[in-house]
Structure formats: structure tokens, C-alpha cells
PDB file of N, CA and C in Angstrom:
ATOM      1  N   ASP A   1      95.188  91.858 115.323  1.00  0.00           N
ATOM      2  CA  ASP A   1      94.002  91.895 114.500  1.00  0.00           C
ATOM      3  C   ASP A   1      93.041  92.995 114.963  1.00  0.00           C
ATOM      4  N   TRP A   2      92.983  93.190 116.278  1.00  0.00           N
ATOM      5  CA  TRP A   2      92.098  94.222 116.816  1.00  0.00           C
ATOM      6  C   TRP A   2      92.546  95.601 116.329  1.00  0.00           C
ATOM      7  N   GLY A   3      93.846  95.843 116.363  1.00  0.00           N
ATOM      8  CA  GLY A   3      94.379  97.117 115.894  1.00  0.00           C
ATOM      9  C   GLY A   3      94.108  97.328 114.415  1.00  0.00           C
ATOM     10  N   ILE A   4      94.239  96.271 113.627  1.00  0.00           N
ATOM     11  CA  ILE A   4      93.982  96.373 112.188  1.00  0.00           C
ATOM     12  C   ILE A   4      92.511  96.686 111.940  1.00  0.00           C
ATOM     13  N   ALA A   5      91.619  96.021 112.685  1.00  0.00           N
ATOM     14  CA  ALA A   5      90.188  96.286 112.536  1.00  0.00           C
ATOM     15  C   ALA A   5      89.877  97.746 112.870  1.00  0.00           C
ATOM     16  N   LEU A   6      90.481  98.253 113.931  1.00  0.00           N
ATOM     17  CA  LEU A   6      90.261  99.649 114.308  1.00  0.00           C
ATOM     18  C   LEU A   6      90.802 100.601 113.252  1.00  0.00           C
ATOM     19  N   LEU A   7      91.942 100.258 112.691  1.00  0.00           N
ATOM     20  CA  LEU A   7      92.533 101.100 111.655  1.00  0.00           C
ATOM     21  C   LEU A   7      91.657 101.111 110.393  1.00  0.00           C
ATOM     22  N   ASN A   8      91.118  99.958 110.041  1.00  0.00           N
ATOM     23  CA  ASN A   8      90.202  99.891 108.896  1.00  0.00           C
ATOM     24  C   ASN A   8      88.932 100.688 109.165  1.00  0.00           C
ATOM     25  N   LEU A   9      88.425 100.601 110.385  1.00  0.00           N
ATOM     26  CA  LEU A   9      87.237 101.372 110.758  1.00  0.00           C
ATOM     27  C   LEU A   9      87.529 102.872 110.678  1.00  0.00           C
ATOM     28  N   ALA A  10      88.707 103.260 111.119  1.00  0.00           N
ATOM     29  CA  ALA A  10      89.102 104.669 111.047  1.00  0.00           C
ATOM     30  C   ALA A  10      89.203 105.139 109.602  1.00  0.00           C
ATOM     31  N   ASP A  11      89.661 104.257 108.730  1.00  0.00           N
ATOM     32  CA  ASP A  11      89.771 104.606 107.317  1.00  0.00           C
ATOM     33  C   ASP A  11      88.391 104.875 106.720  1.00  0.00           C
ATOM     34  N   ILE A  12      87.404 104.124 107.177  1.00  0.00           N
ATOM     35  CA  ILE A  12      86.041 104.296 106.677  1.00  0.00           C
ATOM     36  C   ILE A  12      85.366 105.526 107.293  1.00  0.00           C
ATOM     37  N   THR A  13      85.503 105.674 108.610  1.00  0.00           N
ATOM     38  CA  THR A  13      84.761 106.724 109.323  1.00  0.00           C
ATOM     39  C   THR A  13      85.519 108.031 109.466  1.00  0.00           C
ATOM     40  N   ARG A  14      86.861 107.949 109.354  1.00  0.00           N
ATOM     41  CA  ARG A  14      87.747 109.109 109.566  1.00  0.00           C
ATOM     42  C   ARG A  14      87.663 109.637 111.000  1.00  0.00           C
ATOM     43  N   GLU A  15      87.254 108.783 111.941  1.00  0.00           N
ATOM     44  CA  GLU A  15      87.174 109.182 113.344  1.00  0.00           C
ATOM     45  C   GLU A  15      88.534 109.006 114.014  1.00  0.00           C
ATOM     46  N   LYS A  16      89.004 110.069 114.629  1.00  0.00           N
ATOM     47  CA  LYS A  16      90.313 110.064 115.284  1.00  0.00           C
ATOM     48  C   LYS A  16      90.405 109.024 116.389  1.00  0.00           C
ATOM     49  N   LYS A  17      89.317 108.824 117.109  1.00  0.00           N
ATOM     50  CA  LYS A  17      89.322 107.894 118.241  1.00  0.00           C
ATOM     51  C   LYS A  17      89.733 106.486 117.799  1.00  0.00           C
ATOM     52  N   HIS A  18      89.288 106.061 116.620  1.00  0.00           N
ATOM     53  CA  HIS A  18      89.626 104.724 116.139  1.00  0.00           C
ATOM     54  C   HIS A  18      91.123 104.608 115.828  1.00  0.00           C
ATOM     55  N   VAL A  19      91.703 105.669 115.296  1.00  0.00           N
ATOM     56  CA  VAL A  19      93.146 105.653 115.007  1.00  0.00           C
ATOM     57  C   VAL A  19      93.926 105.604 116.315  1.00  0.00           C
ATOM     58  N   GLN A  20      93.525 106.421 117.280  1.00  0.00           N
ATOM     59  CA  GLN A  20      94.193 106.417 118.585  1.00  0.00           C
ATOM     60  C   GLN A  20      94.102 105.045 119.236  1.00  0.00           C
ATOM     61  N   ASP A  21      92.926 104.426 119.162  1.00  0.00           N
ATOM     62  CA  ASP A  21      92.754 103.091 119.743  1.00  0.00           C
ATOM     63  C   ASP A  21      93.607 102.056 119.020  1.00  0.00           C
ATOM     64  N   ALA A  22      93.716 102.167 117.702  1.00  0.00           N
ATOM     65  CA  ALA A  22      94.545 101.241 116.937  1.00  0.00           C
ATOM     66  C   ALA A  22      96.012 101.379 117.343  1.00  0.00           C
ATOM     67  N   ILE A  23      96.481 102.607 117.461  1.00  0.00           N
ATOM     68  CA  ILE A  23      97.862 102.843 117.882  1.00  0.00           C
ATOM     69  C   ILE A  23      98.104 102.218 119.250  1.00  0.00           C
ATOM     70  N   GLU A  24      97.161 102.405 120.153  1.00  0.00           N
ATOM     71  CA  GLU A  24      97.288 101.831 121.496  1.00  0.00           C
ATOM     72  C   GLU A  24      97.366 100.300 121.438  1.00  0.00           C
ATOM     73  N   LYS A  25      96.551  99.665 120.613  1.00  0.00           N
ATOM     74  CA  LYS A  25      96.563  98.198 120.499  1.00  0.00           C
ATOM     75  C   LYS A  25      97.892  97.712 119.946  1.00  0.00           C
ATOM     76  N   PHE A  26      98.430  98.405 118.939  1.00  0.00           N
ATOM     77  CA  PHE A  26      99.725  98.006 118.384  1.00  0.00           C
ATOM     78  C   PHE A  26     100.833  98.169 119.421  1.00  0.00           C
ATOM     79  N   GLU A  27     100.805  99.261 120.168  1.00  0.00           N
ATOM     80  CA  GLU A  27     101.813  99.481 121.210  1.00  0.00           C
ATOM     81  C   GLU A  27     101.733  98.393 122.281  1.00  0.00           C
ATOM     82  N   GLN A  28     100.522  98.017 122.674  1.00  0.00           N
ATOM     83  CA  GLN A  28     100.353  96.961 123.682  1.00  0.00           C
ATOM     84  C   GLN A  28     100.907  95.637 123.174  1.00  0.00           C
ATOM     85  N   ALA A  29     100.618  95.293 121.933  1.00  0.00           N
ATOM     86  CA  ALA A  29     101.103  94.039 121.362  1.00  0.00           C
ATOM     87  C   ALA A  29     102.624  94.015 121.322  1.00  0.00           C
ATOM     88  N   ILE A  30     103.216  95.122 120.953  1.00  0.00           N
ATOM     89  CA  ILE A  30     104.680  95.204 120.864  1.00  0.00           C
ATOM     90  C   ILE A  30     105.309  95.092 122.242  1.00  0.00           C
ATOM     91  N   LEU A  31     104.731  95.765 123.232  1.00  0.00           N
ATOM     92  CA  LEU A  31     105.287  95.749 124.590  1.00  0.00           C
ATOM     93  C   LEU A  31     105.120  94.398 125.290  1.00  0.00           C
ATOM     94  N   LEU A  32     104.097  93.653 124.933  1.00  0.00           N
ATOM     95  CA  LEU A  32     103.807  92.385 125.612  1.00  0.00           C
ATOM     96  C   LEU A  32     104.686  91.215 125.162  1.00  0.00           C
ATOM     97  N   HIS A  33     105.410  91.383 124.098  1.00  0.00           N
ATOM     98  CA  HIS A  33     106.190  90.278 123.554  1.00  0.00           C
ATOM     99  C   HIS A  33     107.678  90.610 123.527  1.00  0.00           C
ATOM    100  N   GLU A  34     108.478  89.624 123.895  1.00  0.00           N
ATOM    101  CA  GLU A  34     109.932  89.819 123.849  1.00  0.00           C
ATOM    102  C   GLU A  34     110.413  89.914 122.408  1.00  0.00           C
ATOM    103  N   ARG A  35     109.836  89.102 121.553  1.00  0.00           N
ATOM    104  CA  ARG A  35     110.227  89.084 120.151  1.00  0.00           C
ATOM    105  C   ARG A  35     109.104  89.733 119.337  1.00  0.00           C
ATOM    106  N   VAL A  36     109.409  90.815 118.685  1.00  0.00           N
ATOM    107  CA  VAL A  36     108.410  91.592 117.959  1.00  0.00           C
ATOM    108  C   VAL A  36     108.334  91.115 116.513  1.00  0.00           C
ATOM    109  N   ASN A  37     107.126  90.883 116.073  1.00  0.00           N
ATOM    110  CA  ASN A  37     106.873  90.517 114.689  1.00  0.00           C
ATOM    111  C   ASN A  37     106.983  91.784 113.839  1.00  0.00           C
ATOM    112  N   PRO A  38     107.790  91.762 112.774  1.00  0.00           N
ATOM    113  CA  PRO A  38     107.918  92.961 111.939  1.00  0.00           C
ATOM    114  C   PRO A  38     106.587  93.464 111.390  1.00  0.00           C
ATOM    115  N   VAL A  39     105.638  92.566 111.158  1.00  0.00           N
ATOM    116  CA  VAL A  39     104.330  92.967 110.646  1.00  0.00           C
ATOM    117  C   VAL A  39     103.616  93.870 111.652  1.00  0.00           C
ATOM    118  N   TRP A  40     103.798  93.599 112.942  1.00  0.00           N
ATOM    119  CA  TRP A  40     103.199  94.468 113.970  1.00  0.00           C
ATOM    120  C   TRP A  40     103.767  95.876 113.857  1.00  0.00           C
ATOM    121  N   LEU A  41     105.076  95.952 113.642  1.00  0.00           N
ATOM    122  CA  LEU A  41     105.708  97.265 113.501  1.00  0.00           C
ATOM    123  C   LEU A  41     105.224  97.977 112.244  1.00  0.00           C
ATOM    124  N   ILE A  42     105.017  97.234 111.187  1.00  0.00           N
ATOM    125  CA  ILE A  42     104.524  97.837 109.953  1.00  0.00           C
ATOM    126  C   ILE A  42     103.119  98.384 110.167  1.00  0.00           C
ATOM    127  N   ASN A  43     102.286  97.615 110.838  1.00  0.00           N
ATOM    128  CA  ASN A  43     100.932  98.094 111.131  1.00  0.00           C
ATOM    129  C   ASN A  43     100.962  99.306 112.051  1.00  0.00           C
ATOM    130  N   TYR A  44     101.839  99.268 113.035  1.00  0.00           N
ATOM    131  CA  TYR A  44     101.995 100.392 113.961  1.00  0.00           C
ATOM    132  C   TYR A  44     102.464 101.637 113.202  1.00  0.00           C
ATOM    133  N   GLY A  45     103.469 101.466 112.350  1.00  0.00           N
ATOM    134  CA  GLY A  45     103.969 102.588 111.556  1.00  0.00           C
ATOM    135  C   GLY A  45     102.901 103.154 110.630  1.00  0.00           C
ATOM    136  N   SER A  46     102.104 102.277 110.059  1.00  0.00           N
ATOM    137  CA  SER A  46     101.010 102.717 109.193  1.00  0.00           C
ATOM    138  C   SER A  46      99.981 103.527 109.983  1.00  0.00           C
ATOM    139  N   ALA A  47      99.687 103.075 111.201  1.00  0.00           N
ATOM    140  CA  ALA A  47      98.739 103.803 112.059  1.00  0.00           C
ATOM    141  C   ALA A  47      99.296 105.172 112.439  1.00  0.00           C
ATOM    142  N   LEU A  48     100.581 105.241 112.725  1.00  0.00           N
ATOM    143  CA  LEU A  48     101.200 106.532 113.056  1.00  0.00           C
ATOM    144  C   LEU A  48     101.147 107.485 111.858  1.00  0.00           C
ATOM    145  N   ASP A  49     101.377 106.940 110.678  1.00  0.00           N
ATOM    146  CA  ASP A  49     101.292 107.742 109.460  1.00  0.00           C
ATOM    147  C   ASP A  49      99.864 108.260 109.265  1.00  0.00           C
ATOM    148  N   PHE A  50      98.887 107.404 109.494  1.00  0.00           N
ATOM    149  CA  PHE A  50      97.479 107.799 109.392  1.00  0.00           C
ATOM    150  C   PHE A  50      97.173 108.911 110.395  1.00  0.00           C
ATOM    151  N   TRP A  51      97.689 108.753 111.622  1.00  0.00           N
ATOM    152  CA  TRP A  51      97.463 109.783 112.642  1.00  0.00           C
ATOM    153  C   TRP A  51      98.104 111.106 112.212  1.00  0.00           C
ATOM    154  N   GLY A  52      99.253 111.039 111.572  1.00  0.00           N
ATOM    155  CA  GLY A  52      99.878 112.247 111.050  1.00  0.00           C
ATOM    156  C   GLY A  52      98.989 112.936 110.035  1.00  0.00           C
ATOM    157  N   ASP A  53      98.313 112.134 109.179  1.00  0.00           N
ATOM    158  CA  ASP A  53      97.385 112.696 108.194  1.00  0.00           C
ATOM    159  C   ASP A  53      96.215 113.392 108.872  1.00  0.00           C
ATOM    160  N   ILE A  54      95.654 112.752 109.874  1.00  0.00           N
ATOM    161  CA  ILE A  54      94.460 113.275 110.533  1.00  0.00           C
ATOM    162  C   ILE A  54      94.772 114.480 111.423  1.00  0.00           C
ATOM    163  N   SER A  55      95.913 114.422 112.105  1.00  0.00           N
ATOM    164  CA  SER A  55      96.223 115.459 113.088  1.00  0.00           C
ATOM    165  C   SER A  55      97.056 116.615 112.530  1.00  0.00           C
ATOM    166  N   ASP A  56      97.596 116.457 111.325  1.00  0.00           N
ATOM    167  CA  ASP A  56      98.499 117.459 110.747  1.00  0.00           C
ATOM    168  C   ASP A  56      99.723 117.710 111.622  1.00  0.00           C
ATOM    169  N   ASP A  57     100.178 116.664 112.324  1.00  0.00           N
ATOM    170  CA  ASP A  57     101.357 116.763 113.175  1.00  0.00           C
ATOM    171  C   ASP A  57     102.489 115.979 112.511  1.00  0.00           C
ATOM    172  N   ASP A  58     103.483 116.697 111.992  1.00  0.00           N
ATOM    173  CA  ASP A  58     104.593 116.066 111.278  1.00  0.00           C
ATOM    174  C   ASP A  58     105.404 115.106 112.145  1.00  0.00           C
ATOM    175  N   GLY A  59     105.344 115.275 113.452  1.00  0.00           N
ATOM    176  CA  GLY A  59     106.076 114.397 114.353  1.00  0.00           C
ATOM    177  C   GLY A  59     105.645 112.949 114.218  1.00  0.00           C
ATOM    178  N   TYR A  60     104.391 112.722 113.894  1.00  0.00           N
ATOM    179  CA  TYR A  60     103.909 111.347 113.727  1.00  0.00           C
ATOM    180  C   TYR A  60     104.436 110.723 112.446  1.00  0.00           C
ATOM    181  N   TYR A  61     104.641 111.529 111.409  1.00  0.00           N
ATOM    182  CA  TYR A  61     105.261 111.012 110.194  1.00  0.00           C
ATOM    183  C   TYR A  61     106.688 110.555 110.488  1.00  0.00           C
ATOM    184  N   GLU A  62     107.407 111.378 111.245  1.00  0.00           N
ATOM    185  CA  GLU A  62     108.788 111.036 111.593  1.00  0.00           C
ATOM    186  C   GLU A  62     108.855 109.758 112.416  1.00  0.00           C
ATOM    187  N   LYS A  63     107.940 109.633 113.385  1.00  0.00           N
ATOM    188  CA  LYS A  63     107.913 108.421 114.202  1.00  0.00           C
ATOM    189  C   LYS A  63     107.528 107.208 113.350  1.00  0.00           C
ATOM    190  N   ALA A  64     106.583 107.395 112.429  1.00  0.00           N
ATOM    191  CA  ALA A  64     106.180 106.307 111.531  1.00  0.00           C
ATOM    192  C   ALA A  64     107.371 105.835 110.706  1.00  0.00           C
ATOM    193  N   ILE A  65     108.145 106.773 110.193  1.00  0.00           N
ATOM    194  CA  ILE A  65     109.323 106.431 109.393  1.00  0.00           C
ATOM    195  C   ILE A  65     110.332 105.643 110.225  1.00  0.00           C
ATOM    196  N   GLU A  66     110.567 106.066 111.453  1.00  0.00           N
ATOM    197  CA  GLU A  66     111.496 105.352 112.334  1.00  0.00           C
ATOM    198  C   GLU A  66     111.029 103.915 112.585  1.00  0.00           C
ATOM    199  N   VAL A  67     109.750 103.767 112.900  1.00  0.00           N
ATOM    200  CA  VAL A  67     109.196 102.441 113.188  1.00  0.00           C
ATOM    201  C   VAL A  67     109.281 101.551 111.946  1.00  0.00           C
ATOM    202  N   LEU A  68     108.925 102.094 110.800  1.00  0.00           N
ATOM    203  CA  LEU A  68     108.950 101.313 109.567  1.00  0.00           C
ATOM    204  C   LEU A  68     110.370 100.942 109.162  1.00  0.00           C
ATOM    205  N   GLN A  69     111.312 101.838 109.360  1.00  0.00           N
ATOM    206  CA  GLN A  69     112.708 101.516 109.078  1.00  0.00           C
ATOM    207  C   GLN A  69     113.197 100.393 109.985  1.00  0.00           C
ATOM    208  N   HIS A  70     112.785 100.430 111.243  1.00  0.00           N
ATOM    209  CA  HIS A  70     113.160  99.361 112.169  1.00  0.00           C
ATOM    210  C   HIS A  70     112.542  98.030 111.728  1.00  0.00           C
ATOM    211  N   ALA A  71     111.302  98.063 111.304  1.00  0.00           N
ATOM    212  CA  ALA A  71     110.647  96.848 110.813  1.00  0.00           C
ATOM    213  C   ALA A  71     111.420  96.263 109.638  1.00  0.00           C
ATOM    214  N   LEU A  72     111.909  97.129 108.765  1.00  0.00           N
ATOM    215  CA  LEU A  72     112.649  96.657 107.600  1.00  0.00           C
ATOM    216  C   LEU A  72     114.044  96.157 107.946  1.00  0.00           C
ATOM    217  N   THR A  73     114.592  96.591 109.077  1.00  0.00           N
ATOM    218  CA  THR A  73     115.866  95.988 109.503  1.00  0.00           C
ATOM    219  C   THR A  73     115.633  94.552 109.971  1.00  0.00           C
ATOM    220  N   LEU A  74     114.439  94.288 110.496  1.00  0.00           N
ATOM    221  CA  LEU A  74     114.099  92.935 110.933  1.00  0.00           C
ATOM    222  C   LEU A  74     113.713  92.040 109.758  1.00  0.00           C
ATOM    223  N   ASP A  75     113.105  92.614 108.741  1.00  0.00           N
ATOM    224  CA  ASP A  75     112.683  91.864 107.553  1.00  0.00           C
ATOM    225  C   ASP A  75     112.822  92.751 106.326  1.00  0.00           C
ATOM    226  N   PRO A  76     114.048  92.829 105.772  1.00  0.00           N
ATOM    227  CA  PRO A  76     114.308  93.748 104.655  1.00  0.00           C
ATOM    228  C   PRO A  76     113.541  93.420 103.372  1.00  0.00           C
ATOM    229  N   THR A  77     112.999  92.215 103.256  1.00  0.00           N
ATOM    230  CA  THR A  77     112.304  91.832 102.035  1.00  0.00           C
ATOM    231  C   THR A  77     110.802  92.100 102.103  1.00  0.00           C
ATOM    232  N   ASN A  78     110.322  92.678 103.176  1.00  0.00           N
ATOM    233  CA  ASN A  78     108.890  92.891 103.345  1.00  0.00           C
ATOM    234  C   ASN A  78     108.409  94.023 102.436  1.00  0.00           C
ATOM    235  N   ILE A  79     107.658  93.653 101.431  1.00  0.00           N
ATOM    236  CA  ILE A  79     107.163  94.614 100.444  1.00  0.00           C
ATOM    237  C   ILE A  79     106.180  95.598 101.073  1.00  0.00           C
ATOM    238  N   GLN A  80     105.324  95.101 101.951  1.00  0.00           N
ATOM    239  CA  GLN A  80     104.345  95.967 102.616  1.00  0.00           C
ATOM    240  C   GLN A  80     105.056  97.048 103.439  1.00  0.00           C
ATOM    241  N   GLY A  81     106.124  96.670 104.112  1.00  0.00           N
ATOM    242  CA  GLY A  81     106.902  97.620 104.894  1.00  0.00           C
ATOM    243  C   GLY A  81     107.506  98.708 104.024  1.00  0.00           C
ATOM    244  N   ARG A  82     108.028  98.296 102.875  1.00  0.00           N
ATOM    245  CA  ARG A  82     108.609  99.271 101.943  1.00  0.00           C
ATOM    246  C   ARG A  82     107.536 100.218 101.387  1.00  0.00           C
ATOM    247  N   TYR A  83     106.378  99.661 101.096  1.00  0.00           N
ATOM    248  CA  TYR A  83     105.263 100.462 100.590  1.00  0.00           C
ATOM    249  C   TYR A  83     104.851 101.527 101.618  1.00  0.00           C
ATOM    250  N   HIS A  84     104.646 101.094 102.863  1.00  0.00           N
ATOM    251  CA  HIS A  84     104.207 102.039 103.897  1.00  0.00           C
ATOM    252  C   HIS A  84     105.300 103.065 104.227  1.00  0.00           C
ATOM    253  N   LEU A  85     106.556 102.639 104.158  1.00  0.00           N
ATOM    254  CA  LEU A  85     107.649 103.594 104.360  1.00  0.00           C
ATOM    255  C   LEU A  85     107.623 104.653 103.267  1.00  0.00           C
ATOM    256  N   GLY A  86     107.381 104.232 102.037  1.00  0.00           N
ATOM    257  CA  GLY A  86     107.271 105.186 100.936  1.00  0.00           C
ATOM    258  C   GLY A  86     106.130 106.167 101.123  1.00  0.00           C
ATOM    259  N   LEU A  87     105.020 105.673 101.639  1.00  0.00           N
ATOM    260  CA  LEU A  87     103.875 106.564 101.897  1.00  0.00           C
ATOM    261  C   LEU A  87     104.189 107.577 102.997  1.00  0.00           C
ATOM    262  N   ALA A  88     104.852 107.101 104.037  1.00  0.00           N
ATOM    263  CA  ALA A  88     105.175 107.990 105.167  1.00  0.00           C
ATOM    264  C   ALA A  88     106.171 109.043 104.728  1.00  0.00           C
TER     265      ALA A  88
END
């Protein structure tokens, strides 16, 4: 939830620091749990895609696509995951 709040704040303010902090929160959540919730990966992938937009670094789009594809292997019916993959 903290990462999502930061990502929403970044969407409003367009401040890079909030996107970086959101990415960090998603990475921490993923690393702390043995079993990863696909929604966490979708949020993480969305944050990486956002960072790609802000930084103009195509590498983040590629990483976002990888993360989102992995999320969809865990939950292929997740509409939000498919939407964010399409955006990335």
C-alpha cells in the first residue's frame, strides 16, 4: 500500500523521487516474502514503466515487461496485469 501511495503521489506531482521510493517499496515487499503476490509484481511493473516514462530509459520498459509477464504466468486471468503489460 505504501508503494501504491507513493506511485499515486508521483503521478500527481511528477517527482522522480516518489517513483524511485515506490519501486524500492515494491522490491522490499517482493524480497521479504517467499510467496509473491502477483498484484505486487503488477504494481512493481507499473512503477518501472512509469520510471521509464520519466527517465527516458528504455531499459526500464524492458524490465517492466519482464516483471509483468512473470506476474501473468502466476495469474494469467489478471486483467490489470494485461492492461499494464499493454501499456509497457
